[in-house]
N, C-alpha and C. Protein backbone atom coordinates (compact mmCIF):
# COMPACT_ATOMS: atom_id res chain seq x y z
N UNK A 1 0.84 -1.18 0.00
CA UNK A 1 0.00 0.00 0.00
C UNK A 1 0.87 1.24 0.00
N UNK A 2 0.27 2.35 -0.35
CA UNK A 2 1.00 3.61 -0.34
C UNK A 2 1.25 4.10 1.08
N UNK A 3 0.62 3.47 2.06
CA UNK A 3 0.83 3.84 3.46
C UNK A 3 2.29 3.77 3.87
N UNK A 4 3.04 2.88 3.26
CA UNK A 4 4.46 2.74 3.61
C UNK A 4 5.26 3.98 3.25
N UNK A 5 4.77 4.77 2.29
CA UNK A 5 5.44 6.00 1.91
C UNK A 5 5.01 7.17 2.79
N UNK A 6 3.81 7.10 3.33
CA UNK A 6 3.27 8.18 4.15
C UNK A 6 3.70 8.06 5.61
N UNK A 7 3.77 6.84 6.12
CA UNK A 7 4.08 6.61 7.53
C UNK A 7 5.37 7.29 7.99
N UNK A 8 6.45 7.27 7.20
CA UNK A 8 7.68 7.92 7.66
C UNK A 8 7.55 9.42 7.92
N UNK A 9 6.49 10.05 7.42
CA UNK A 9 6.29 11.48 7.66
C UNK A 9 5.77 11.74 9.06
N UNK A 10 5.39 10.67 9.76
CA UNK A 10 4.84 10.82 11.10
C UNK A 10 3.32 10.84 11.12
N UNK A 11 2.71 10.86 9.94
CA UNK A 11 1.25 10.83 9.86
C UNK A 11 0.75 9.45 10.27
N UNK A 12 -0.41 9.42 10.89
CA UNK A 12 -1.01 8.15 11.24
C UNK A 12 -1.64 7.55 9.99
N UNK A 13 -1.39 6.27 9.79
CA UNK A 13 -1.89 5.58 8.60
C UNK A 13 -2.74 4.40 9.04
N UNK A 14 -3.92 4.31 8.47
CA UNK A 14 -4.78 3.15 8.69
C UNK A 14 -5.08 2.57 7.32
N UNK A 15 -4.84 1.29 7.19
CA UNK A 15 -5.08 0.62 5.91
C UNK A 15 -6.28 -0.30 6.07
N UNK A 16 -7.27 -0.12 5.22
CA UNK A 16 -8.48 -0.93 5.27
C UNK A 16 -8.66 -1.65 3.95
N UNK A 17 -9.14 -2.85 4.03
CA UNK A 17 -9.44 -3.60 2.81
C UNK A 17 -10.01 -4.95 3.16
N UNK A 18 -10.43 -5.65 2.14
CA UNK A 18 -10.98 -6.99 2.37
C UNK A 18 -9.88 -8.03 2.25
N UNK A 19 -10.13 -9.18 2.87
CA UNK A 19 -9.19 -10.29 2.71
C UNK A 19 -9.28 -10.77 1.27
N UNK A 20 -8.14 -11.04 0.68
CA UNK A 20 -8.17 -11.34 -0.74
C UNK A 20 -6.98 -12.21 -1.13
N UNK A 21 -7.23 -13.48 -1.38
CA UNK A 21 -6.16 -14.39 -1.77
C UNK A 21 -5.71 -14.16 -3.20
N UNK A 22 -6.49 -13.42 -3.98
CA UNK A 22 -6.15 -13.21 -5.39
C UNK A 22 -5.73 -11.77 -5.68
N UNK A 23 -5.32 -11.04 -4.65
CA UNK A 23 -4.99 -9.63 -4.83
C UNK A 23 -3.90 -9.43 -5.88
N UNK A 24 -4.12 -8.48 -6.75
CA UNK A 24 -3.19 -8.10 -7.82
C UNK A 24 -2.87 -9.26 -8.75
N UNK A 25 -3.81 -10.15 -8.95
CA UNK A 25 -3.62 -11.26 -9.88
C UNK A 25 -4.68 -11.18 -10.97
N UNK A 26 -4.47 -11.94 -12.03
CA UNK A 26 -5.49 -12.04 -13.07
C UNK A 26 -6.76 -12.58 -12.42
N UNK A 27 -7.90 -12.02 -12.77
CA UNK A 27 -9.19 -12.43 -12.21
C UNK A 27 -9.29 -12.19 -10.71
N UNK A 28 -8.69 -11.10 -10.24
CA UNK A 28 -8.80 -10.73 -8.82
C UNK A 28 -10.27 -10.63 -8.45
N UNK A 29 -10.61 -11.12 -7.26
CA UNK A 29 -12.01 -11.07 -6.83
C UNK A 29 -12.09 -10.98 -5.31
N UNK A 30 -13.25 -10.53 -4.83
CA UNK A 30 -13.53 -10.48 -3.40
C UNK A 30 -14.93 -11.01 -3.18
N UNK A 31 -15.20 -11.42 -1.95
CA UNK A 31 -16.53 -11.91 -1.59
C UNK A 31 -17.48 -10.73 -1.39
N UNK A 32 -18.70 -10.86 -1.86
CA UNK A 32 -19.70 -9.80 -1.70
C UNK A 32 -19.93 -9.51 -0.22
N UNK A 33 -19.99 -10.56 0.61
CA UNK A 33 -20.18 -10.36 2.05
C UNK A 33 -19.06 -9.51 2.65
N UNK A 34 -17.82 -9.73 2.17
CA UNK A 34 -16.69 -8.95 2.68
C UNK A 34 -16.84 -7.47 2.31
N UNK A 35 -17.36 -7.20 1.12
CA UNK A 35 -17.58 -5.80 0.73
C UNK A 35 -18.60 -5.13 1.63
N UNK A 36 -19.65 -5.87 1.99
CA UNK A 36 -20.66 -5.33 2.89
C UNK A 36 -20.07 -5.00 4.25
N UNK A 37 -19.23 -5.90 4.76
CA UNK A 37 -18.59 -5.67 6.06
C UNK A 37 -17.68 -4.45 6.00
N UNK A 38 -16.93 -4.33 4.91
CA UNK A 38 -16.02 -3.19 4.76
C UNK A 38 -16.82 -1.89 4.66
N UNK A 39 -17.94 -1.92 3.96
CA UNK A 39 -18.79 -0.73 3.87
C UNK A 39 -19.28 -0.31 5.25
N UNK A 40 -19.62 -1.27 6.10
CA UNK A 40 -20.05 -0.95 7.46
C UNK A 40 -18.92 -0.30 8.25
N UNK A 41 -17.71 -0.79 8.06
CA UNK A 41 -16.56 -0.20 8.75
C UNK A 41 -16.35 1.24 8.30
N UNK A 42 -16.38 1.47 6.98
CA UNK A 42 -16.24 2.83 6.45
C UNK A 42 -17.33 3.74 7.00
N UNK A 43 -18.55 3.24 7.02
CA UNK A 43 -19.68 4.04 7.53
C UNK A 43 -19.46 4.42 8.99
N UNK A 44 -19.00 3.46 9.80
CA UNK A 44 -18.74 3.75 11.20
C UNK A 44 -17.65 4.78 11.40
N UNK A 45 -16.61 4.68 10.60
CA UNK A 45 -15.51 5.66 10.69
C UNK A 45 -16.02 7.05 10.34
N UNK A 46 -16.77 7.15 9.26
CA UNK A 46 -17.29 8.46 8.85
C UNK A 46 -18.24 9.03 9.89
N UNK A 47 -19.10 8.20 10.46
CA UNK A 47 -20.00 8.68 11.50
C UNK A 47 -19.21 9.23 12.69
N UNK A 48 -18.18 8.51 13.10
CA UNK A 48 -17.36 8.96 14.23
C UNK A 48 -16.63 10.25 13.92
N UNK A 49 -16.10 10.37 12.72
CA UNK A 49 -15.38 11.59 12.35
C UNK A 49 -16.31 12.79 12.26
N UNK A 50 -17.50 12.57 11.73
CA UNK A 50 -18.43 13.68 11.55
C UNK A 50 -19.09 14.11 12.85
N UNK A 51 -19.11 13.23 13.84
CA UNK A 51 -19.72 13.57 15.12
C UNK A 51 -18.74 14.29 16.05
N UNK A 52 -17.46 14.28 15.72
CA UNK A 52 -16.47 14.94 16.58
C UNK A 52 -16.52 16.43 16.43
C-alpha cells in the first residue's frame, strides 16, 4: 500500500481492505459479504469523524 510511503512522515496511517487471496492477480475477486462488512466499517468511521 501507499501507506508505507506516508508513515515515515509521522502521519497516522490506517489501511483498510478486504481479505483477498487473489490480490493483484489475473481475475482478482472479493466476496460480496466482505464488501458489505467493509462498507459498514467505512460508515462507522465516517459517523465517528463527523460527530467529533
